Amino acid sequence: MPGGLIGTVLLLVLVVVVVAILLRSVRVIRQQQVGVVERLGKFKRTLDPGPHLLVPLLDTVRYTMDMREAVVPFPPQGVITEDNLMVSIDSVIYYQVVDPVRAAYEAQNYIQAIEQLTMTTLRNIIGGLDLEQTLTSREEINQKLRTVLDEATGKWGIKVNRVELRSIEPPATIRDAMEKGARAERDKRAAILLADGQRQSQILSASGDREASILRAQGERESAVLRAQADRQASMLRAEGEAQAITTTFNAIHAGKPTQALLSYQYLRMLPNLARGESNKMWIVPSELNDALKGLGALAGASVAKPAADEPDPSEFSAPQPVDVFAEIEAQKKVDEESSAASVEQAIAEAEALEGRRVARLQTSQAGNALTSGSQPQPQPQPQAAEPAPEVNQAPDVRPE
């Protein structure tokens, strides 16, 4: 029994060891990974994604390389610019393993190697740029840095796809100065924009005032013209109305043939209107009042007497006859012309008589002088004809339209 038990235990141990060896000889490589196999410490082969069987106790998967693109951020590094200013630069590297064997055996720690290479390359690039160029030339710096890293890491089986500078931090004093400069520049632009806006506003306001003044002046001019035209038409219509009223009144008066008594009666009726008024303190009776009273007295005496046969009956009303005003004006003009011609002839005759008397006095004085001196009498001057009197300008014939 003891011998059988020991054999069973040994058999179980042997089975366990065989199973363990078999498990270690089978390796499964995941997708996007590559395994580097060493046999007795020497590179043997690479394992692609999938299951693989290794030689027990001889083959070992020494490295498992991830073939995907990796991102490695590096801590901020202090770099001195060309104008001796310390700036802190934070960078990010995007790389990918393209040759797992070289990545495993060419560089001991390719991540650290890339970091140190990035720091030295940044110092070389930033050292040839000033602060302003450093802050404004990120793309150029990224391109130069990627080119240098790609050339250096190519023999390591690594390809640097992209390099990005996440931040460039200048010193605090430089940041304050830059902020003040930027604030001053913004204030200057704001002041320029404000001044430009005020200038445009004043120009537009002046232009609007000018156009408003012009339109207002044009409106006042047109209004004045329209008012003048309206006043002219109103004056013309008023004058025409007054002319028609005067003509109608004149025709009515001449057609009615008013007597002196009627005129006196109308005159007396108008006397209260003459005395009416708040400012009238004293009223003087006109001298024509006696004539009006005499006319009324004659009217009263005539009303008692019987009217003659040839006089018309005042009680009977007769329609007024139309009177030709222009004919009467022409007749009055002819009378005025005849009286003017007679006045001219009379003035000429008086002038001739005066000239004759002057010549006679002159002859008498010359004869007396000749008798006194005993000399021969001098020839007497012949009387000159009197110059005709200037013609009197007659008034033009004005006929109302």
Protein backbone atom coordinates (compact mmCIF):
# COMPACT_ATOMS: atom_id res chain seq x y z
CA MET A 1 0.00 0.00 0.00
CA PRO A 2 2.63 2.51 0.81
CA GLY A 3 4.44 1.80 -2.46
CA GLY A 4 1.21 2.18 -4.51
CA LEU A 5 0.38 5.46 -2.78
CA ILE A 6 3.79 6.94 -3.52
CA GLY A 7 3.48 5.91 -7.17
CA THR A 8 0.09 7.57 -7.41
CA VAL A 9 1.41 10.79 -5.94
CA LEU A 10 4.35 10.81 -8.32
CA LEU A 11 2.03 10.16 -11.20
CA LEU A 12 -0.17 13.07 -10.21
CA VAL A 13 2.84 15.36 -9.87
CA LEU A 14 4.06 14.30 -13.28
CA VAL A 15 0.66 15.02 -14.78
CA VAL A 16 0.58 18.46 -13.21
CA VAL A 17 4.04 19.28 -14.51
CA VAL A 18 3.13 18.11 -18.01
CA VAL A 19 -0.03 20.19 -17.98
CA ALA A 20 1.90 23.26 -16.80
CA ILE A 21 4.52 22.77 -19.48
CA LEU A 22 1.83 22.40 -22.11
CA LEU A 23 0.10 25.55 -20.90
CA ARG A 24 3.34 27.54 -21.04
CA SER A 25 4.05 26.25 -24.53
CA VAL A 26 0.77 27.63 -25.86
CA ARG A 27 0.63 31.47 -26.22
CA VAL A 28 -2.19 33.63 -27.59
CA ILE A 29 -1.25 37.03 -29.06
CA ARG A 30 -3.98 39.69 -29.11
CA GLN A 31 -4.90 41.85 -32.07
CA GLN A 32 -2.60 44.82 -32.86
CA GLN A 33 0.18 43.22 -30.82
CA VAL A 34 3.34 41.35 -31.82
CA GLY A 35 5.28 38.92 -29.62
CA VAL A 36 9.09 38.67 -29.74
CA VAL A 37 10.23 35.07 -29.07
CA GLU A 38 13.69 34.21 -27.74
CA ARG A 39 15.15 30.72 -27.66
CA LEU A 40 17.75 30.24 -25.01
CA GLY A 41 18.21 34.06 -24.78
CA LYS A 42 18.51 34.69 -28.53
CA PHE A 43 15.92 36.23 -30.87
CA LYS A 44 14.09 33.47 -32.66
CA ARG A 45 10.95 34.86 -34.29
CA THR A 46 7.93 37.14 -33.89
CA LEU A 47 4.41 36.02 -33.13
CA ASP A 48 1.46 37.52 -34.99
CA PRO A 49 -2.00 37.89 -33.40
CA GLY A 50 -3.52 34.46 -32.67
CA PRO A 51 -2.59 31.19 -30.84
CA HIS A 52 0.94 29.85 -31.09
CA LEU A 53 2.77 26.75 -29.79
CA LEU A 54 6.24 27.22 -28.33
CA VAL A 55 8.94 24.70 -27.53
CA PRO A 56 8.70 24.07 -23.85
CA LEU A 57 11.60 25.20 -21.73
CA LEU A 58 13.36 26.61 -24.81
CA ASP A 59 11.19 29.34 -26.31
CA THR A 60 10.12 32.39 -24.31
CA VAL A 61 8.01 35.42 -25.34
CA ARG A 62 10.39 38.15 -24.20
CA TYR A 63 8.53 41.31 -25.46
CA THR A 64 4.97 42.03 -26.47
CA MET A 65 4.86 45.14 -28.66
CA ASP A 66 1.70 47.24 -29.13
CA MET A 67 1.52 48.27 -32.80
CA ARG A 68 -1.13 50.96 -32.27
CA GLU A 69 -0.33 54.71 -32.31
CA ALA A 70 0.53 55.92 -28.84
CA VAL A 71 0.39 59.37 -27.24
CA VAL A 72 3.05 60.38 -24.76
CA PRO A 73 2.78 63.76 -22.96
CA PHE A 74 6.01 65.21 -21.65
CA PRO A 75 6.18 67.49 -18.61
CA PRO A 76 6.89 71.22 -19.12
CA GLN A 77 10.48 72.01 -19.88
CA GLY A 78 12.25 75.35 -19.46
CA VAL A 79 13.74 76.68 -22.70
CA ILE A 80 15.70 79.93 -23.26
CA THR A 81 14.80 82.01 -26.31
CA GLU A 82 17.16 84.05 -28.45
CA ASP A 83 16.38 87.22 -26.45
CA ASN A 84 17.35 85.42 -23.20
CA LEU A 85 13.87 84.79 -21.85
CA MET A 86 12.93 81.58 -20.08
CA VAL A 87 9.76 79.97 -21.39
CA SER A 88 8.09 76.74 -20.28
CA ILE A 89 6.98 74.41 -23.10
CA ASP A 90 4.65 71.45 -22.67
CA SER A 91 4.75 69.01 -25.62
CA VAL A 92 2.91 65.87 -26.78
CA ILE A 93 4.37 63.14 -29.08
CA TYR A 94 2.29 60.85 -31.30
CA TYR A 95 4.36 57.80 -32.32
CA GLN A 96 3.84 54.27 -33.62
CA VAL A 97 6.01 51.09 -33.53
CA VAL A 98 6.65 49.94 -37.08
CA ASP A 99 9.42 47.39 -36.40
CA PRO A 100 8.94 45.48 -33.12
CA VAL A 101 12.36 43.77 -33.30
CA ARG A 102 14.22 47.09 -33.56
CA ALA A 103 12.02 48.67 -30.93
CA ALA A 104 12.87 45.77 -28.62
CA TYR A 105 16.61 45.59 -29.23
CA GLU A 106 17.83 48.94 -30.64
CA ALA A 107 16.77 51.17 -27.72
CA GLN A 108 16.76 50.21 -24.09
CA ASN A 109 13.86 52.57 -23.29
CA TYR A 110 12.63 54.29 -26.41
CA ILE A 111 10.04 56.39 -24.53
CA GLN A 112 12.73 58.01 -22.40
CA ALA A 113 14.95 58.37 -25.44
CA ILE A 114 12.20 60.18 -27.33
CA GLU A 115 11.60 62.48 -24.35
CA GLN A 116 15.25 63.47 -24.04
CA LEU A 117 15.56 63.92 -27.79
CA THR A 118 12.47 66.14 -27.77
CA MET A 119 13.92 68.34 -25.00
CA THR A 120 17.27 68.85 -26.77
CA THR A 121 15.63 69.49 -30.14
CA LEU A 122 13.23 72.05 -28.62
CA ARG A 123 16.15 73.88 -27.02
CA ASN A 124 17.96 74.04 -30.34
CA ILE A 125 14.89 75.30 -32.23
CA ILE A 126 13.67 77.80 -29.59
CA GLY A 127 17.21 79.08 -29.07
CA GLY A 128 17.15 80.57 -32.57
CA LEU A 129 13.79 82.35 -32.10
CA ASP A 130 12.77 85.30 -29.99
CA LEU A 131 9.72 85.32 -27.74
CA GLU A 132 7.32 86.77 -30.30
CA GLN A 133 8.39 84.26 -32.95
CA THR A 134 8.13 81.45 -30.41
CA LEU A 135 4.56 82.40 -29.56
CA THR A 136 3.49 82.83 -33.18
CA SER A 137 5.43 79.98 -34.91
CA ARG A 138 3.96 76.87 -33.35
CA GLU A 139 3.35 75.12 -36.66
CA GLU A 140 6.90 75.78 -37.81
CA ILE A 141 8.31 74.48 -34.51
CA ASN A 142 6.12 71.35 -34.70
CA GLN A 143 7.28 70.63 -38.23
CA LYS A 144 10.98 71.00 -37.37
CA LEU A 145 10.63 68.92 -34.23
CA ARG A 146 8.77 66.12 -36.02
CA THR A 147 11.40 66.00 -38.78
CA VAL A 148 14.30 65.69 -36.30
CA LEU A 149 12.53 63.06 -34.16
CA ASP A 150 11.46 61.03 -37.18
CA GLU A 151 15.05 60.86 -38.45
CA ALA A 152 16.42 59.89 -35.03
CA THR A 153 13.77 57.28 -34.16
CA GLY A 154 13.70 55.61 -37.57
CA LYS A 155 16.52 53.23 -36.64
CA TRP A 156 14.63 52.31 -33.48
CA GLY A 157 11.69 51.00 -35.50
CA ILE A 158 9.49 53.90 -34.34
CA LYS A 159 7.76 56.51 -36.50
CA VAL A 160 6.86 59.90 -35.01
CA ASN A 161 3.61 60.93 -36.69
CA ARG A 162 2.96 64.26 -35.00
CA VAL A 163 4.41 66.62 -32.42
CA GLU A 164 2.25 69.25 -30.68
CA LEU A 165 3.20 72.04 -28.29
CA ARG A 166 0.34 72.17 -25.82
CA SER A 167 1.42 75.38 -24.10
CA ILE A 168 4.17 77.98 -24.16
CA GLU A 169 4.31 79.88 -20.89
CA PRO A 170 6.53 83.00 -20.75
CA PRO A 171 7.64 84.45 -17.37
CA ALA A 172 5.11 86.23 -15.17
CA THR A 173 6.64 89.67 -15.78
CA ILE A 174 6.58 89.10 -19.52
CA ARG A 175 2.96 87.97 -19.31
CA ASP A 176 2.03 91.11 -17.40
CA ALA A 177 3.82 93.28 -19.96
CA MET A 178 2.17 91.41 -22.80
CA GLU A 179 -1.24 91.75 -21.15
CA LYS A 180 -0.69 95.48 -20.67
CA GLY A 181 0.43 95.82 -24.29
CA ALA A 182 -2.54 93.82 -25.50
CA ARG A 183 -4.87 95.87 -23.28
CA ALA A 184 -3.34 99.10 -24.57
CA GLU A 185 -3.73 97.88 -28.14
CA ARG A 186 -7.36 96.94 -27.52
CA ASP A 187 -7.98 100.29 -25.85
CA LYS A 188 -6.38 102.05 -28.82
CA ARG A 189 -8.53 100.13 -31.29
CA ALA A 190 -11.60 100.81 -29.17
CA ALA A 191 -10.76 104.54 -29.03
CA ILE A 192 -10.18 104.58 -32.79
CA LEU A 193 -13.46 102.79 -33.43
CA LEU A 194 -15.27 105.11 -31.00
CA ALA A 195 -13.76 108.21 -32.64
CA ASP A 196 -14.61 106.84 -36.07
CA GLY A 197 -18.15 106.15 -34.94
CA GLN A 198 -18.52 109.65 -33.46
CA ARG A 199 -17.09 111.13 -36.66
CA GLN A 200 -19.52 109.17 -38.80
CA SER A 201 -22.34 110.15 -36.46
CA GLN A 202 -21.43 113.85 -36.64
CA ILE A 203 -21.11 113.65 -40.42
CA LEU A 204 -24.49 111.97 -40.72
CA SER A 205 -26.04 114.44 -38.27
CA ALA A 206 -24.61 117.40 -40.18
CA SER A 207 -25.76 115.91 -43.46
CA GLY A 208 -29.21 115.32 -42.01
CA ASP A 209 -29.38 118.88 -40.64
CA ARG A 210 -28.25 120.24 -44.00
CA GLU A 211 -30.85 118.27 -45.92
CA ALA A 212 -33.50 119.19 -43.35
CA SER A 213 -32.58 122.89 -43.65
CA ILE A 214 -32.69 122.67 -47.43
CA LEU A 215 -36.05 120.90 -47.38
CA ARG A 216 -37.36 123.35 -44.77
CA ALA A 217 -36.21 126.32 -46.86
CA GLN A 218 -37.75 124.80 -49.97
CA GLY A 219 -40.98 124.19 -48.10
CA GLU A 220 -41.03 127.76 -46.75
CA ARG A 221 -40.31 129.10 -50.22
CA GLU A 222 -43.08 127.05 -51.79
CA SER A 223 -45.40 128.00 -48.93
CA ALA A 224 -44.57 131.70 -49.40
CA VAL A 225 -45.13 131.38 -53.15
CA LEU A 226 -48.45 129.64 -52.61
CA ARG A 227 -49.49 132.25 -50.01
CA ALA A 228 -48.49 135.06 -52.38
CA GLN A 229 -50.42 133.43 -55.19
CA ALA A 230 -53.41 132.94 -52.91
CA ASP A 231 -53.21 136.56 -51.72
CA ARG A 232 -52.90 137.73 -55.32
CA GLN A 233 -55.90 135.70 -56.42
CA ALA A 234 -57.85 136.83 -53.35
CA SER A 235 -56.92 140.46 -54.05
CA MET A 236 -57.91 140.06 -57.68
CA LEU A 237 -61.21 138.43 -56.72
CA ARG A 238 -61.78 141.07 -54.04
CA ALA A 239 -61.00 143.85 -56.50
CA GLU A 240 -63.25 142.27 -59.09
CA GLY A 241 -66.01 141.95 -56.48
CA GLU A 242 -65.55 145.56 -55.39
CA ALA A 243 -65.52 146.68 -59.02
CA GLN A 244 -68.71 144.78 -59.70
CA ALA A 245 -70.25 146.14 -56.50
CA ILE A 246 -69.22 149.70 -57.42
CA THR A 247 -70.51 149.23 -60.95
CA THR A 248 -73.79 147.80 -59.68
CA THR A 249 -74.15 150.59 -57.11
CA PHE A 250 -73.24 153.21 -59.71
CA ASN A 251 -75.76 151.78 -62.17
CA ALA A 252 -78.41 151.56 -59.48
CA ILE A 253 -77.80 155.16 -58.35
CA HIS A 254 -77.91 156.53 -61.88
CA ALA A 255 -80.87 154.39 -62.76
CA GLY A 256 -82.79 155.43 -59.63
CA LYS A 257 -81.99 159.16 -60.08
CA PRO A 258 -81.86 159.98 -56.35
CA THR A 259 -82.87 163.44 -55.20
CA GLN A 260 -81.04 165.73 -52.82
CA ALA A 261 -83.59 164.97 -50.15
CA LEU A 262 -82.87 161.23 -50.31
CA LEU A 263 -79.13 161.84 -50.06
CA SER A 264 -79.69 164.13 -47.07
CA TYR A 265 -81.83 161.50 -45.37
CA GLN A 266 -79.14 158.85 -45.88
CA TYR A 267 -76.54 161.26 -44.54
CA LEU A 268 -78.57 161.79 -41.38
CA ARG A 269 -78.93 158.03 -40.91
CA MET A 270 -75.16 157.63 -40.99
CA LEU A 271 -74.52 160.28 -38.30
CA PRO A 272 -75.05 157.84 -35.35
CA ASN A 273 -72.47 155.48 -36.86
CA LEU A 274 -69.94 158.31 -37.00
CA ALA A 275 -70.44 159.03 -33.29
CA ARG A 276 -70.28 155.35 -32.27
CA GLY A 277 -66.97 154.16 -30.74
CA GLU A 278 -65.31 153.62 -27.36
CA SER A 279 -62.51 156.13 -28.04
CA ASN A 280 -64.80 158.96 -29.12
CA LYS A 281 -64.69 161.54 -26.32
CA MET A 282 -65.95 164.51 -28.32
CA TRP A 283 -68.05 164.66 -31.50
CA ILE A 284 -67.98 167.68 -33.81
CA VAL A 285 -71.09 168.30 -35.90
CA PRO A 286 -70.01 168.54 -39.53
CA SER A 287 -70.90 171.62 -41.59
CA GLU A 288 -72.76 169.50 -44.11
CA LEU A 289 -75.48 168.96 -41.52
CA ASN A 290 -77.08 172.31 -42.40
CA ASP A 291 -77.30 171.35 -46.07
CA ALA A 292 -78.81 168.01 -45.11
CA LEU A 293 -81.40 169.73 -42.94
CA LYS A 294 -82.18 172.19 -45.73
CA GLY A 295 -82.69 169.25 -48.09
CA LEU A 296 -85.06 167.63 -45.63
CA GLY A 297 -86.93 170.90 -45.25
CA ALA A 298 -87.30 171.23 -48.99
CA LEU A 299 -88.50 167.65 -49.08
CA ALA A 300 -91.10 168.36 -46.45
CA GLY A 301 -92.31 171.46 -48.38
CA ALA A 302 -92.45 169.58 -51.61
CA SER A 303 -94.49 166.80 -50.01
CA VAL A 304 -97.17 169.35 -49.09
CA ALA A 305 -97.31 170.84 -52.58
CA LYS A 306 -98.96 168.87 -55.32
CA PRO A 307 -96.56 167.30 -57.69
CA ALA A 308 -96.42 168.76 -61.19
CA ALA A 309 -97.80 166.90 -64.12
CA ASP A 310 -94.41 166.42 -65.75
CA GLU A 311 -92.72 165.18 -62.53
CA PRO A 312 -92.92 161.49 -61.83
CA ASP A 313 -94.85 160.16 -58.88
CA PRO A 314 -92.41 159.17 -56.14
CA SER A 315 -94.78 156.47 -54.92
CA GLU A 316 -94.52 154.70 -58.20
CA PHE A 317 -91.43 152.43 -58.45
CA SER A 318 -89.57 152.15 -61.70
CA ALA A 319 -86.88 149.58 -62.34
CA PRO A 320 -83.39 151.07 -62.64
CA GLN A 321 -82.08 151.38 -66.15
CA PRO A 322 -78.58 150.10 -66.92
CA VAL A 323 -75.94 152.77 -67.30
CA ASP A 324 -72.88 152.42 -69.55
CA VAL A 325 -70.06 153.32 -67.19
CA PHE A 326 -67.37 153.21 -69.87
CA ALA A 327 -69.32 155.57 -72.11
CA GLU A 328 -69.63 158.07 -69.29
CA ILE A 329 -65.88 157.73 -68.57
CA GLU A 330 -65.11 158.40 -72.27
CA ALA A 331 -67.39 161.45 -72.24
CA GLN A 332 -65.76 162.78 -69.10
CA LYS A 333 -62.33 162.20 -70.67
CA LYS A 334 -63.31 164.23 -73.77
CA VAL A 335 -64.53 167.07 -71.56
CA ASP A 336 -61.22 167.01 -69.66
CA GLU A 337 -59.25 167.08 -72.93
CA GLU A 338 -61.22 170.04 -74.25
CA SER A 339 -60.73 171.96 -71.02
CA SER A 340 -57.00 171.13 -71.11
CA ALA A 341 -56.70 172.36 -74.72
CA ALA A 342 -58.51 175.59 -73.84
CA SER A 343 -56.20 176.12 -70.87
CA VAL A 344 -53.17 175.65 -73.14
CA GLU A 345 -54.43 178.15 -75.71
CA GLN A 346 -55.17 180.68 -72.98
CA ALA A 347 -51.65 180.23 -71.54
CA ILE A 348 -50.11 180.80 -75.02
CA ALA A 349 -52.13 183.98 -75.53
CA GLU A 350 -51.10 185.35 -72.14
CA ALA A 351 -47.45 184.57 -72.92
CA GLU A 352 -47.64 186.43 -76.28
CA ALA A 353 -49.26 189.46 -74.66
CA LEU A 354 -46.57 189.55 -71.99
CA GLU A 355 -43.82 189.38 -74.63
CA GLY A 356 -45.43 192.24 -76.60
CA ARG A 357 -45.55 194.49 -73.53
CA ARG A 358 -41.88 193.70 -72.80
CA VAL A 359 -40.84 194.66 -76.35
CA ALA A 360 -42.82 197.93 -76.16
CA ARG A 361 -41.13 198.92 -72.90
CA LEU A 362 -37.74 198.16 -74.44
CA GLN A 363 -38.41 200.38 -77.49
CA THR A 364 -39.58 203.24 -75.29
CA SER A 365 -36.45 203.11 -73.16
CA GLN A 366 -34.18 203.10 -76.23
CA ALA A 367 -35.96 206.14 -77.76
CA GLY A 368 -35.54 208.12 -74.53
CA ASN A 369 -31.84 207.30 -74.40
CA ALA A 370 -31.38 208.45 -78.02
CA LEU A 371 -33.00 211.85 -77.40
CA THR A 372 -30.91 212.40 -74.36
CA SER A 373 -27.54 211.63 -76.06
CA GLY A 374 -28.42 213.40 -79.42
CA SER A 375 -27.21 210.45 -81.39
CA GLN A 376 -28.95 208.64 -84.15
CA PRO A 377 -31.55 206.32 -83.12
CA GLN A 378 -30.42 202.70 -83.18
CA PRO A 379 -32.41 200.14 -85.10
CA GLN A 380 -35.11 198.61 -83.00
CA PRO A 381 -35.06 194.85 -82.48
CA GLN A 382 -37.76 192.94 -84.13
CA PRO A 383 -40.14 191.23 -81.76
CA GLN A 384 -39.61 187.55 -81.59
CA ALA A 385 -42.44 185.14 -81.76
CA ALA A 386 -43.32 183.59 -78.50
CA GLU A 387 -42.18 180.03 -78.12
CA PRO A 388 -45.03 177.55 -78.05
CA ALA A 389 -45.86 176.23 -74.65
CA PRO A 390 -44.96 172.60 -74.02
CA GLU A 391 -47.70 170.16 -74.65
CA VAL A 392 -49.52 168.90 -71.63
CA ASN A 393 -49.25 165.17 -71.19
CA GLN A 394 -52.67 163.80 -71.33
CA ALA A 395 -53.67 160.98 -69.12
CA PRO A 396 -53.65 157.63 -70.91
CA ASP A 397 -56.85 156.01 -71.74
CA VAL A 398 -57.23 153.46 -69.00
CA ARG A 399 -60.17 151.14 -69.34
CA PRO A 400 -60.82 148.70 -66.57
CA GLU A 401 -60.66 145.14 -67.68
